[in-house]
Amino acid sequence: MPSVDFHLLLVTDRSLVREQSLPDALQEAVDAGVPAIQLRERDLATSDLVALTRQVLATTRYRAVPLIINDRADLAVALDLGGVHLRASSLSVSVARQIVGPRRLIGVSAHSVEEAQRAGDDGADYVILGPIFETPSKREFGAPLGLAVLADACRRASVPVFAIGGIARERIDSVRDSGAFGVAMIGGILGRADVGAAAAEMCAAIRAAWPPHS
């Protein structure tokens, strides 16, 4: 099973980026220390998604930052990416594993304790659970789950659980104390006017919450 060796996962949404391209924003984030990126641009045609992915790879590869793509296990293999992230409507974990092989990461989105537990049991490498707090980007998934649900999911899941949804610097300690392995963020970095400064701030908070030696 591939190792999940990061505690911050930056999830993309190019509609949030201000006054620059998504690749340029991700360049700033990587330069500031963001350790992993999930490319989540689900509305793009395949040719456009491939072109965007290649642009982002030019940024991530030289820093050895894993680039994980939403849904497209085929592109994860074709472009030699770090992994694939699955939604409930995506391929099953077992089928995705047959496609991407044993060395690439497979993440799964979960919106309940049961889904988080099942993803681990099915062979996922990590789970992103949310929304934990209120956030505009996750309203389609219902009311915030809260820290008690996060704690229960972390107890029951057999793989690392990342919290998503309304994650801000002042909430990181409470998320860690609930048992989360890390956090996934969208607007908290990409929605800020200075992406590099926001990424540096969050990376420092993550290092403080999950020290490298721990």
N, C-alpha and C. Protein backbone atom coordinates (compact mmCIF):
# COMPACT_ATOMS: atom_id res chain seq x y z
N MET A 1 0.84 -1.20 0.00
CA MET A 1 0.00 0.00 0.00
C MET A 1 0.88 1.25 0.00
N PRO A 2 0.58 2.23 -0.86
CA PRO A 2 1.39 3.45 -0.89
C PRO A 2 1.30 4.20 0.43
N SER A 3 2.36 4.93 0.73
CA SER A 3 2.41 5.69 1.98
C SER A 3 1.76 7.06 1.83
N VAL A 4 0.92 7.41 2.79
CA VAL A 4 0.35 8.75 2.85
C VAL A 4 1.24 9.56 3.78
N ASP A 5 2.14 10.35 3.22
CA ASP A 5 3.16 11.02 4.01
C ASP A 5 2.99 12.54 4.03
N PHE A 6 1.75 13.00 3.89
CA PHE A 6 1.46 14.43 3.95
C PHE A 6 0.24 14.63 4.86
N HIS A 7 0.17 15.81 5.47
CA HIS A 7 -0.95 16.13 6.36
C HIS A 7 -1.81 17.28 5.83
N LEU A 8 -1.42 17.82 4.68
CA LEU A 8 -2.19 18.87 4.02
C LEU A 8 -2.35 18.51 2.56
N LEU A 9 -3.58 18.48 2.10
CA LEU A 9 -3.89 18.20 0.70
C LEU A 9 -4.63 19.40 0.14
N LEU A 10 -4.06 20.05 -0.86
CA LEU A 10 -4.70 21.18 -1.51
C LEU A 10 -5.56 20.68 -2.65
N VAL A 11 -6.86 20.92 -2.56
CA VAL A 11 -7.83 20.49 -3.58
C VAL A 11 -8.14 21.70 -4.47
N THR A 12 -8.11 21.51 -5.78
CA THR A 12 -8.22 22.67 -6.67
C THR A 12 -9.67 22.99 -7.04
N ASP A 13 -9.88 24.27 -7.30
CA ASP A 13 -11.10 24.79 -7.90
C ASP A 13 -10.70 26.10 -8.57
N ARG A 14 -10.48 26.03 -9.88
CA ARG A 14 -9.92 27.18 -10.58
C ARG A 14 -10.85 28.40 -10.55
N SER A 15 -12.16 28.17 -10.27
CA SER A 15 -13.10 29.30 -10.23
C SER A 15 -12.83 30.22 -9.04
N LEU A 16 -12.10 29.73 -8.04
CA LEU A 16 -11.82 30.53 -6.85
C LEU A 16 -10.57 31.39 -6.99
N VAL A 17 -9.74 31.06 -7.97
CA VAL A 17 -8.45 31.73 -8.10
C VAL A 17 -8.63 33.14 -8.65
N ARG A 18 -8.00 34.11 -8.01
CA ARG A 18 -8.15 35.51 -8.40
C ARG A 18 -6.95 35.98 -9.23
N GLU A 19 -7.23 36.57 -10.36
CA GLU A 19 -6.25 37.35 -11.13
C GLU A 19 -5.00 36.59 -11.55
N GLN A 20 -5.07 35.27 -11.60
CA GLN A 20 -3.98 34.49 -12.15
C GLN A 20 -4.52 33.13 -12.56
N SER A 21 -3.73 32.38 -13.29
CA SER A 21 -4.17 31.06 -13.72
C SER A 21 -4.03 30.07 -12.58
N LEU A 22 -4.74 28.96 -12.70
CA LEU A 22 -4.60 27.90 -11.68
C LEU A 22 -3.17 27.38 -11.62
N PRO A 23 -2.50 27.09 -12.75
CA PRO A 23 -1.11 26.63 -12.63
C PRO A 23 -0.21 27.62 -11.91
N ASP A 24 -0.40 28.91 -12.16
CA ASP A 24 0.42 29.91 -11.47
C ASP A 24 0.14 29.92 -9.97
N ALA A 25 -1.15 29.80 -9.60
CA ALA A 25 -1.51 29.75 -8.19
C ALA A 25 -0.91 28.52 -7.52
N LEU A 26 -0.95 27.39 -8.22
CA LEU A 26 -0.39 26.16 -7.65
C LEU A 26 1.13 26.24 -7.55
N GLN A 27 1.75 26.96 -8.48
CA GLN A 27 3.19 27.18 -8.37
C GLN A 27 3.51 27.90 -7.07
N GLU A 28 2.75 28.94 -6.75
CA GLU A 28 2.95 29.67 -5.50
C GLU A 28 2.74 28.76 -4.29
N ALA A 29 1.70 27.93 -4.36
CA ALA A 29 1.40 27.05 -3.24
C ALA A 29 2.51 26.02 -3.02
N VAL A 30 3.00 25.45 -4.09
CA VAL A 30 4.07 24.46 -3.99
C VAL A 30 5.35 25.12 -3.48
N ASP A 31 5.65 26.30 -3.99
CA ASP A 31 6.85 27.01 -3.52
C ASP A 31 6.75 27.33 -2.02
N ALA A 32 5.50 27.50 -1.54
CA ALA A 32 5.30 27.80 -0.12
C ALA A 32 5.30 26.56 0.76
N GLY A 33 5.35 25.38 0.13
CA GLY A 33 5.49 24.16 0.92
C GLY A 33 4.32 23.20 0.89
N VAL A 34 3.28 23.47 0.09
CA VAL A 34 2.15 22.53 0.02
C VAL A 34 2.65 21.16 -0.43
N PRO A 35 2.35 20.10 0.32
CA PRO A 35 2.98 18.80 0.07
C PRO A 35 2.24 17.87 -0.89
N ALA A 36 0.97 18.17 -1.20
CA ALA A 36 0.20 17.29 -2.09
C ALA A 36 -0.96 18.08 -2.69
N ILE A 37 -1.31 17.75 -3.93
CA ILE A 37 -2.38 18.46 -4.64
C ILE A 37 -3.34 17.46 -5.25
N GLN A 38 -4.62 17.75 -5.10
CA GLN A 38 -5.68 16.98 -5.77
C GLN A 38 -6.29 17.86 -6.84
N LEU A 39 -6.17 17.45 -8.10
CA LEU A 39 -6.71 18.21 -9.22
C LEU A 39 -8.18 17.84 -9.40
N ARG A 40 -9.05 18.80 -9.09
CA ARG A 40 -10.49 18.54 -9.05
C ARG A 40 -11.20 19.54 -9.97
N GLU A 41 -11.00 19.36 -11.27
CA GLU A 41 -11.62 20.24 -12.26
C GLU A 41 -12.55 19.39 -13.12
N ARG A 42 -13.69 19.07 -12.55
CA ARG A 42 -14.54 18.02 -13.10
C ARG A 42 -15.30 18.45 -14.35
N ASP A 43 -15.36 19.75 -14.63
CA ASP A 43 -16.15 20.22 -15.77
C ASP A 43 -15.36 20.28 -17.07
N LEU A 44 -14.06 19.99 -17.03
CA LEU A 44 -13.24 20.12 -18.21
C LEU A 44 -13.38 18.90 -19.14
N ALA A 45 -13.36 19.17 -20.43
CA ALA A 45 -13.26 18.09 -21.41
C ALA A 45 -11.91 17.40 -21.25
N THR A 46 -11.82 16.15 -21.68
CA THR A 46 -10.61 15.37 -21.46
C THR A 46 -9.38 16.05 -22.03
N SER A 47 -9.47 16.59 -23.24
CA SER A 47 -8.29 17.23 -23.84
C SER A 47 -7.83 18.42 -23.03
N ASP A 48 -8.77 19.20 -22.52
CA ASP A 48 -8.42 20.36 -21.70
C ASP A 48 -7.86 19.92 -20.34
N LEU A 49 -8.43 18.86 -19.80
CA LEU A 49 -7.94 18.35 -18.52
C LEU A 49 -6.51 17.82 -18.65
N VAL A 50 -6.23 17.14 -19.75
CA VAL A 50 -4.88 16.64 -19.98
C VAL A 50 -3.89 17.80 -20.09
N ALA A 51 -4.28 18.84 -20.85
CA ALA A 51 -3.39 19.99 -21.01
C ALA A 51 -3.13 20.67 -19.67
N LEU A 52 -4.19 20.84 -18.85
CA LEU A 52 -4.03 21.46 -17.55
C LEU A 52 -3.16 20.60 -16.64
N THR A 53 -3.40 19.31 -16.65
CA THR A 53 -2.62 18.40 -15.80
C THR A 53 -1.15 18.47 -16.14
N ARG A 54 -0.82 18.52 -17.42
CA ARG A 54 0.59 18.60 -17.83
C ARG A 54 1.22 19.91 -17.36
N GLN A 55 0.45 20.99 -17.39
CA GLN A 55 0.96 22.26 -16.89
C GLN A 55 1.27 22.17 -15.39
N VAL A 56 0.33 21.59 -14.65
CA VAL A 56 0.52 21.49 -13.20
C VAL A 56 1.67 20.54 -12.87
N LEU A 57 1.81 19.48 -13.65
CA LEU A 57 2.91 18.53 -13.42
C LEU A 57 4.27 19.20 -13.52
N ALA A 58 4.37 20.20 -14.39
CA ALA A 58 5.64 20.91 -14.53
C ALA A 58 6.03 21.58 -13.21
N THR A 59 5.01 21.91 -12.41
CA THR A 59 5.25 22.52 -11.10
C THR A 59 5.51 21.48 -10.02
N THR A 60 4.73 20.43 -10.00
CA THR A 60 4.77 19.48 -8.89
C THR A 60 5.94 18.50 -8.96
N ARG A 61 6.35 18.14 -10.16
CA ARG A 61 7.35 17.08 -10.28
C ARG A 61 8.70 17.48 -9.72
N TYR A 62 9.09 18.72 -9.96
CA TYR A 62 10.44 19.09 -9.51
C TYR A 62 10.53 19.21 -8.00
N ARG A 63 9.37 19.30 -7.33
CA ARG A 63 9.35 19.34 -5.86
C ARG A 63 8.94 17.99 -5.26
N ALA A 64 8.73 16.98 -6.12
CA ALA A 64 8.27 15.66 -5.68
C ALA A 64 6.96 15.75 -4.90
N VAL A 65 6.07 16.63 -5.36
CA VAL A 65 4.74 16.78 -4.75
C VAL A 65 3.77 15.86 -5.50
N PRO A 66 3.13 14.91 -4.82
CA PRO A 66 2.19 14.03 -5.51
C PRO A 66 1.01 14.81 -6.07
N LEU A 67 0.67 14.54 -7.32
CA LEU A 67 -0.50 15.13 -7.97
C LEU A 67 -1.53 14.02 -8.15
N ILE A 68 -2.68 14.20 -7.52
CA ILE A 68 -3.76 13.21 -7.50
C ILE A 68 -4.92 13.78 -8.30
N ILE A 69 -5.48 13.02 -9.21
CA ILE A 69 -6.52 13.52 -10.09
C ILE A 69 -7.87 12.93 -9.72
N ASN A 70 -8.92 13.74 -9.83
CA ASN A 70 -10.27 13.26 -9.53
C ASN A 70 -10.75 12.28 -10.60
N ASP A 71 -11.24 11.15 -10.15
CA ASP A 71 -12.01 10.21 -10.96
C ASP A 71 -11.23 9.48 -12.06
N ARG A 72 -10.30 10.16 -12.72
CA ARG A 72 -9.73 9.65 -13.96
C ARG A 72 -8.54 8.73 -13.71
N ALA A 73 -8.88 7.50 -13.37
CA ALA A 73 -7.82 6.50 -13.16
C ALA A 73 -7.00 6.30 -14.42
N ASP A 74 -7.64 6.43 -15.58
CA ASP A 74 -6.92 6.27 -16.84
C ASP A 74 -5.84 7.33 -17.00
N LEU A 75 -6.16 8.56 -16.64
CA LEU A 75 -5.17 9.64 -16.77
C LEU A 75 -4.10 9.53 -15.69
N ALA A 76 -4.46 9.00 -14.53
CA ALA A 76 -3.45 8.79 -13.50
C ALA A 76 -2.33 7.89 -14.01
N VAL A 77 -2.71 6.89 -14.80
CA VAL A 77 -1.71 5.97 -15.37
C VAL A 77 -1.03 6.61 -16.58
N ALA A 78 -1.83 7.16 -17.49
CA ALA A 78 -1.27 7.69 -18.74
C ALA A 78 -0.27 8.82 -18.49
N LEU A 79 -0.53 9.64 -17.47
CA LEU A 79 0.32 10.79 -17.19
C LEU A 79 1.26 10.54 -16.01
N ASP A 80 1.24 9.31 -15.50
CA ASP A 80 2.09 8.90 -14.38
C ASP A 80 1.94 9.82 -13.18
N LEU A 81 0.71 9.96 -12.72
CA LEU A 81 0.39 10.81 -11.58
C LEU A 81 0.55 10.05 -10.27
N GLY A 82 0.41 10.80 -9.17
CA GLY A 82 0.58 10.18 -7.87
C GLY A 82 -0.58 9.33 -7.42
N GLY A 83 -1.76 9.54 -8.03
CA GLY A 83 -2.91 8.74 -7.63
C GLY A 83 -4.20 9.27 -8.21
N VAL A 84 -5.30 8.70 -7.74
CA VAL A 84 -6.64 9.07 -8.19
C VAL A 84 -7.53 9.22 -6.97
N HIS A 85 -8.45 10.19 -7.04
CA HIS A 85 -9.40 10.39 -5.95
C HIS A 85 -10.79 10.07 -6.46
N LEU A 86 -11.50 9.23 -5.71
CA LEU A 86 -12.80 8.71 -6.14
C LEU A 86 -13.94 9.34 -5.37
N ARG A 87 -15.03 9.62 -6.09
CA ARG A 87 -16.28 10.02 -5.47
C ARG A 87 -17.18 8.79 -5.33
N ALA A 88 -18.33 9.00 -4.69
CA ALA A 88 -19.26 7.88 -4.53
C ALA A 88 -19.73 7.33 -5.87
N SER A 89 -19.80 8.20 -6.89
CA SER A 89 -20.27 7.79 -8.21
C SER A 89 -19.14 7.36 -9.13
N SER A 90 -17.91 7.32 -8.62
CA SER A 90 -16.76 6.93 -9.44
C SER A 90 -16.63 5.41 -9.49
N LEU A 91 -15.52 4.96 -10.03
CA LEU A 91 -15.19 3.54 -9.99
C LEU A 91 -15.10 3.04 -8.55
N SER A 92 -15.28 1.74 -8.38
CA SER A 92 -15.02 1.17 -7.07
C SER A 92 -13.53 1.19 -6.79
N VAL A 93 -13.17 1.11 -5.52
CA VAL A 93 -11.76 1.09 -5.15
C VAL A 93 -11.05 -0.10 -5.79
N SER A 94 -11.70 -1.24 -5.79
CA SER A 94 -11.05 -2.44 -6.32
C SER A 94 -10.77 -2.33 -7.81
N VAL A 95 -11.70 -1.76 -8.55
CA VAL A 95 -11.48 -1.57 -9.99
C VAL A 95 -10.41 -0.52 -10.24
N ALA A 96 -10.47 0.57 -9.47
CA ALA A 96 -9.45 1.60 -9.61
C ALA A 96 -8.06 1.05 -9.32
N ARG A 97 -7.96 0.18 -8.32
CA ARG A 97 -6.66 -0.41 -7.98
C ARG A 97 -6.13 -1.25 -9.14
N GLN A 98 -7.01 -1.97 -9.82
CA GLN A 98 -6.57 -2.77 -10.96
C GLN A 98 -6.00 -1.87 -12.06
N ILE A 99 -6.54 -0.68 -12.18
CA ILE A 99 -6.09 0.25 -13.23
C ILE A 99 -4.80 0.95 -12.83
N VAL A 100 -4.76 1.52 -11.61
CA VAL A 100 -3.62 2.37 -11.24
C VAL A 100 -2.46 1.59 -10.64
N GLY A 101 -2.72 0.36 -10.22
CA GLY A 101 -1.65 -0.46 -9.68
C GLY A 101 -1.39 -0.22 -8.21
N PRO A 102 -0.41 -0.92 -7.64
CA PRO A 102 -0.20 -0.89 -6.19
C PRO A 102 0.55 0.32 -5.68
N ARG A 103 1.25 1.06 -6.53
CA ARG A 103 2.12 2.12 -6.02
C ARG A 103 1.47 3.51 -6.04
N ARG A 104 0.31 3.65 -6.68
CA ARG A 104 -0.36 4.95 -6.71
C ARG A 104 -1.42 5.03 -5.62
N LEU A 105 -1.60 6.23 -5.09
CA LEU A 105 -2.59 6.45 -4.03
C LEU A 105 -4.00 6.41 -4.58
N ILE A 106 -4.90 5.89 -3.76
CA ILE A 106 -6.33 5.97 -4.03
C ILE A 106 -7.00 6.60 -2.82
N GLY A 107 -7.60 7.77 -3.05
CA GLY A 107 -8.37 8.44 -2.01
C GLY A 107 -9.85 8.35 -2.32
N VAL A 108 -10.67 8.47 -1.30
CA VAL A 108 -12.13 8.37 -1.47
C VAL A 108 -12.79 9.48 -0.66
N SER A 109 -13.77 10.14 -1.27
CA SER A 109 -14.59 11.12 -0.56
C SER A 109 -15.67 10.41 0.23
N ALA A 110 -15.85 10.81 1.47
CA ALA A 110 -16.88 10.23 2.33
C ALA A 110 -17.65 11.35 3.01
N HIS A 111 -18.94 11.08 3.26
CA HIS A 111 -19.80 12.08 3.89
C HIS A 111 -20.52 11.52 5.10
N SER A 112 -20.03 10.38 5.58
CA SER A 112 -20.58 9.77 6.80
C SER A 112 -19.53 8.84 7.40
N VAL A 113 -19.74 8.46 8.64
CA VAL A 113 -18.84 7.52 9.30
C VAL A 113 -18.81 6.20 8.55
N GLU A 114 -19.98 5.75 8.14
CA GLU A 114 -20.08 4.45 7.45
C GLU A 114 -19.31 4.46 6.13
N GLU A 115 -19.43 5.56 5.38
CA GLU A 115 -18.71 5.65 4.11
C GLU A 115 -17.20 5.67 4.33
N ALA A 116 -16.76 6.37 5.37
CA ALA A 116 -15.33 6.41 5.68
C ALA A 116 -14.81 5.03 6.05
N GLN A 117 -15.56 4.32 6.86
CA GLN A 117 -15.15 2.98 7.27
C GLN A 117 -15.12 2.03 6.06
N ARG A 118 -16.14 2.13 5.23
CA ARG A 118 -16.22 1.24 4.06
C ARG A 118 -15.07 1.50 3.09
N ALA A 119 -14.70 2.76 2.89
CA ALA A 119 -13.62 3.08 1.96
C ALA A 119 -12.32 2.42 2.40
N GLY A 120 -12.03 2.49 3.70
CA GLY A 120 -10.83 1.83 4.20
C GLY A 120 -10.90 0.33 4.04
N ASP A 121 -12.05 -0.23 4.35
CA ASP A 121 -12.22 -1.68 4.23
C ASP A 121 -12.09 -2.14 2.78
N ASP A 122 -12.46 -1.25 1.84
CA ASP A 122 -12.39 -1.60 0.42
C ASP A 122 -10.99 -1.47 -0.17
N GLY A 123 -10.08 -0.89 0.60
CA GLY A 123 -8.70 -0.82 0.12
C GLY A 123 -8.21 0.56 -0.27
N ALA A 124 -8.98 1.61 0.06
CA ALA A 124 -8.48 2.96 -0.19
C ALA A 124 -7.26 3.24 0.69
N ASP A 125 -6.45 4.19 0.27
CA ASP A 125 -5.28 4.56 1.05
C ASP A 125 -5.58 5.66 2.05
N TYR A 126 -6.58 6.48 1.76
CA TYR A 126 -7.00 7.54 2.68
C TYR A 126 -8.42 7.95 2.33
N VAL A 127 -9.04 8.67 3.27
CA VAL A 127 -10.41 9.16 3.10
C VAL A 127 -10.42 10.66 3.35
N ILE A 128 -11.20 11.38 2.56
CA ILE A 128 -11.49 12.79 2.85
C ILE A 128 -12.93 12.86 3.32
N LEU A 129 -13.13 13.28 4.56
CA LEU A 129 -14.46 13.31 5.17
C LEU A 129 -14.94 14.74 5.33
N GLY A 130 -16.18 14.99 4.93
CA GLY A 130 -16.70 16.34 5.12
C GLY A 130 -18.09 16.51 4.55
N PRO A 131 -18.62 17.71 4.66
CA PRO A 131 -17.98 18.88 5.26
C PRO A 131 -18.01 18.82 6.80
N ILE A 132 -16.89 19.15 7.42
CA ILE A 132 -16.84 19.16 8.88
C ILE A 132 -17.44 20.46 9.42
N PHE A 133 -17.11 21.58 8.79
CA PHE A 133 -17.68 22.88 9.15
C PHE A 133 -18.42 23.45 7.95
N GLU A 134 -19.18 24.48 8.18
CA GLU A 134 -19.93 25.14 7.11
C GLU A 134 -18.96 25.73 6.08
N THR A 135 -19.26 25.48 4.80
CA THR A 135 -18.45 26.04 3.72
C THR A 135 -19.26 26.07 2.44
N PRO A 136 -19.18 27.14 1.66
CA PRO A 136 -19.97 27.23 0.43
C PRO A 136 -19.67 26.12 -0.56
N SER A 137 -18.43 25.66 -0.62
CA SER A 137 -18.06 24.68 -1.65
C SER A 137 -18.64 23.30 -1.38
N LYS A 138 -19.16 23.06 -0.17
CA LYS A 138 -19.65 21.73 0.17
C LYS A 138 -21.13 21.71 0.55
N ARG A 139 -21.87 22.78 0.26
CA ARG A 139 -23.28 22.82 0.65
C ARG A 139 -24.11 21.73 -0.03
N GLU A 140 -23.67 21.29 -1.20
CA GLU A 140 -24.42 20.24 -1.91
C GLU A 140 -24.41 18.93 -1.13
N PHE A 141 -23.49 18.79 -0.19
CA PHE A 141 -23.39 17.54 0.58
C PHE A 141 -24.12 17.60 1.92
N GLY A 142 -24.86 18.68 2.15
CA GLY A 142 -25.68 18.74 3.35
C GLY A 142 -25.04 19.51 4.48
N ALA A 143 -25.66 19.39 5.64
CA ALA A 143 -25.22 20.13 6.82
C ALA A 143 -23.83 19.67 7.27
N PRO A 144 -23.08 20.55 7.93
CA PRO A 144 -21.77 20.15 8.43
C PRO A 144 -21.86 18.95 9.37
N LEU A 145 -20.88 18.06 9.29
CA LEU A 145 -20.87 16.85 10.11
C LEU A 145 -20.45 17.13 11.54
N GLY A 146 -19.52 18.06 11.71
CA GLY A 146 -19.05 18.40 13.05
C GLY A 146 -17.92 17.51 13.53
N LEU A 147 -17.33 17.93 14.64
CA LEU A 147 -16.14 17.24 15.16
C LEU A 147 -16.45 15.88 15.78
N ALA A 148 -17.65 15.71 16.34
CA ALA A 148 -17.98 14.42 16.94
C ALA A 148 -18.05 13.32 15.88
N VAL A 149 -18.63 13.63 14.73
CA VAL A 149 -18.68 12.66 13.63
C VAL A 149 -17.28 12.39 13.10
N LEU A 150 -16.48 13.43 12.98
CA LEU A 150 -15.09 13.26 12.54
C LEU A 150 -14.35 12.32 13.49
N ALA A 151 -14.51 12.52 14.78
CA ALA A 151 -13.83 11.67 15.76
C ALA A 151 -14.28 10.22 15.64
N ASP A 152 -15.57 10.01 15.44
CA ASP A 152 -16.09 8.65 15.30
C ASP A 152 -15.53 7.99 14.04
N ALA A 153 -15.49 8.76 12.95
CA ALA A 153 -14.95 8.21 11.70
C ALA A 153 -13.48 7.86 11.84
N CYS A 154 -12.73 8.71 12.53
CA CYS A 154 -11.30 8.44 12.72
C CYS A 154 -11.07 7.20 13.57
N ARG A 155 -11.94 6.95 14.52
CA ARG A 155 -11.83 5.74 15.35
C ARG A 155 -12.14 4.49 14.55
N ARG A 156 -13.09 4.58 13.64
CA ARG A 156 -13.58 3.39 12.96
C ARG A 156 -12.90 3.10 11.63
N ALA A 157 -12.35 4.12 11.00
CA ALA A 157 -11.71 3.91 9.69
C ALA A 157 -10.34 3.28 9.87
N SER A 158 -9.97 2.43 8.96
CA SER A 158 -8.68 1.73 9.04
C SER A 158 -7.57 2.45 8.30
N VAL A 159 -7.89 3.62 7.72
CA VAL A 159 -6.92 4.39 6.94
C VAL A 159 -6.95 5.84 7.40
N PRO A 160 -5.94 6.64 7.04
CA PRO A 160 -5.94 8.06 7.44
C PRO A 160 -7.18 8.80 6.96
N VAL A 161 -7.70 9.66 7.82
CA VAL A 161 -8.87 10.48 7.50
C VAL A 161 -8.44 11.95 7.47
N PHE A 162 -8.74 12.60 6.35
CA PHE A 162 -8.52 14.03 6.20
C PHE A 162 -9.85 14.75 6.35
N ALA A 163 -9.85 15.82 7.12
CA ALA A 163 -11.05 16.64 7.28
C ALA A 163 -11.09 17.70 6.20
N ILE A 164 -12.30 17.95 5.65
CA ILE A 164 -12.49 19.00 4.66
C ILE A 164 -13.75 19.77 4.98
N GLY A 165 -13.79 21.01 4.55
CA GLY A 165 -15.00 21.82 4.73
C GLY A 165 -14.83 22.86 5.82
N GLY A 166 -14.61 24.10 5.43
CA GLY A 166 -14.51 25.18 6.40
C GLY A 166 -13.25 25.13 7.25
N ILE A 167 -12.21 24.48 6.75
CA ILE A 167 -10.98 24.37 7.53
C ILE A 167 -10.23 25.71 7.50
N ALA A 168 -10.00 26.26 8.67
CA ALA A 168 -9.22 27.49 8.83
C ALA A 168 -8.12 27.21 9.84
N ARG A 169 -7.14 28.11 9.89
CA ARG A 169 -5.99 27.88 10.77
C ARG A 169 -6.42 27.64 12.22
N GLU A 170 -7.40 28.41 12.68
CA GLU A 170 -7.79 28.30 14.09
C GLU A 170 -8.58 27.02 14.39
N ARG A 171 -8.93 26.26 13.37
CA ARG A 171 -9.66 25.01 13.58
C ARG A 171 -8.76 23.77 13.47
N ILE A 172 -7.54 23.95 13.10
CA ILE A 172 -6.67 22.80 12.83
C ILE A 172 -6.44 21.96 14.08
N ASP A 173 -6.19 22.61 15.22
CA ASP A 173 -5.93 21.84 16.45
C ASP A 173 -7.13 20.99 16.85
N SER A 174 -8.33 21.54 16.71
CA SER A 174 -9.52 20.77 17.10
C SER A 174 -9.74 19.59 16.16
N VAL A 175 -9.39 19.77 14.89
CA VAL A 175 -9.50 18.67 13.93
C VAL A 175 -8.48 17.58 14.26
N ARG A 176 -7.24 18.00 14.57
CA ARG A 176 -6.21 17.03 14.96
C ARG A 176 -6.62 16.29 16.23
N ASP A 177 -7.14 17.03 17.21
CA ASP A 177 -7.52 16.42 18.48
C ASP A 177 -8.70 15.45 18.32
N SER A 178 -9.44 15.58 17.23
CA SER A 178 -10.54 14.65 16.94
C SER A 178 -10.03 13.37 16.28
N GLY A 179 -8.75 13.33 15.96
CA GLY A 179 -8.15 12.12 15.40
C GLY A 179 -7.80 12.19 13.94
N ALA A 180 -8.06 13.35 13.30
CA ALA A 180 -7.78 13.44 11.87
C ALA A 180 -6.29 13.30 11.60
N PHE A 181 -5.97 12.69 10.49
CA PHE A 181 -4.58 12.54 10.05
C PHE A 181 -4.08 13.83 9.42
N GLY A 182 -5.02 14.63 8.89
CA GLY A 182 -4.66 15.87 8.23
C GLY A 182 -5.89 16.59 7.75
N VAL A 183 -5.68 17.62 6.93
CA VAL A 183 -6.79 18.41 6.41
C VAL A 183 -6.65 18.54 4.90
N ALA A 184 -7.79 18.70 4.25
CA ALA A 184 -7.86 19.03 2.83
C ALA A 184 -8.50 20.40 2.72
N MET A 185 -7.94 21.24 1.86
CA MET A 185 -8.40 22.62 1.76
C MET A 185 -8.59 23.04 0.32
N ILE A 186 -9.57 23.92 0.11
CA ILE A 186 -9.80 24.51 -1.21
C ILE A 186 -9.69 26.04 -1.06
N GLY A 187 -10.79 26.65 -0.64
CA GLY A 187 -10.86 28.10 -0.59
C GLY A 187 -9.94 28.74 0.42
N GLY A 188 -9.59 28.02 1.49
CA GLY A 188 -8.71 28.57 2.50
C GLY A 188 -7.33 28.93 1.97
N ILE A 189 -6.98 28.37 0.83
CA ILE A 189 -5.72 28.73 0.16
C ILE A 189 -5.99 29.38 -1.19
N LEU A 190 -6.72 28.68 -2.06
CA LEU A 190 -6.90 29.19 -3.43
C LEU A 190 -7.86 30.38 -3.50
N GLY A 191 -8.69 30.54 -2.49
CA GLY A 191 -9.63 31.66 -2.48
C GLY A 191 -9.06 32.93 -1.89
N ARG A 192 -7.82 32.89 -1.45
CA ARG A 192 -7.19 34.05 -0.83
C ARG A 192 -6.50 34.91 -1.90
N ALA A 193 -6.40 36.20 -1.62
CA ALA A 193 -5.78 37.12 -2.58
C ALA A 193 -4.32 36.78 -2.82
N ASP A 194 -3.61 36.39 -1.78
CA ASP A 194 -2.20 36.01 -1.90
C ASP A 194 -2.09 34.51 -1.60
N VAL A 195 -2.12 33.71 -2.66
CA VAL A 195 -2.12 32.26 -2.50
C VAL A 195 -0.86 31.78 -1.81
N GLY A 196 0.27 32.34 -2.18
CA GLY A 196 1.53 31.92 -1.58
C GLY A 196 1.57 32.17 -0.08
N ALA A 197 1.11 33.34 0.33
CA ALA A 197 1.11 33.68 1.76
C ALA A 197 0.12 32.78 2.52
N ALA A 198 -1.05 32.54 1.92
CA ALA A 198 -2.04 31.67 2.56
C ALA A 198 -1.50 30.25 2.70
N ALA A 199 -0.83 29.76 1.66
CA ALA A 199 -0.27 28.41 1.70
C ALA A 199 0.83 28.32 2.75
N ALA A 200 1.68 29.33 2.82
CA ALA A 200 2.76 29.31 3.82
C ALA A 200 2.19 29.32 5.23
N GLU A 201 1.15 30.11 5.45
CA GLU A 201 0.50 30.18 6.76
C GLU A 201 -0.08 28.82 7.15
N MET A 202 -0.76 28.18 6.21
CA MET A 202 -1.38 26.89 6.52
C MET A 202 -0.32 25.80 6.70
N CYS A 203 0.73 25.84 5.91
CA CYS A 203 1.79 24.84 6.06
C CYS A 203 2.45 24.95 7.42
N ALA A 204 2.66 26.17 7.89
CA ALA A 204 3.25 26.36 9.22
C ALA A 204 2.32 25.82 10.30
N ALA A 205 1.02 26.07 10.15
CA ALA A 205 0.06 25.56 11.13
C ALA A 205 0.00 24.04 11.12
N ILE A 206 0.11 23.45 9.94
CA ILE A 206 0.09 21.99 9.83
C ILE A 206 1.34 21.40 10.48
N ARG A 207 2.49 22.00 10.24
CA ARG A 207 3.72 21.49 10.86
C ARG A 207 3.66 21.58 12.38
N ALA A 208 3.02 22.63 12.89
CA ALA A 208 2.87 22.77 14.33
C ALA A 208 1.92 21.72 14.91
N ALA A 209 0.86 21.42 14.16
CA ALA A 209 -0.14 20.45 14.63
C ALA A 209 0.34 19.01 14.50
N TRP A 210 1.04 18.72 13.40
CA TRP A 210 1.58 17.38 13.16
C TRP A 210 3.08 17.51 12.93
N PRO A 211 3.86 17.65 13.99
CA PRO A 211 5.30 17.84 13.83
C PRO A 211 5.93 16.68 13.06
N PRO A 212 6.92 16.97 12.24
CA PRO A 212 7.55 15.92 11.41
C PRO A 212 8.07 14.74 12.22
N HIS A 213 8.51 14.99 13.46
CA HIS A 213 9.10 13.89 14.25
C HIS A 213 8.04 13.06 14.96
N SER A 214 6.76 13.49 14.92
CA SER A 214 5.74 12.77 15.69
C SER A 214 5.29 11.52 14.97
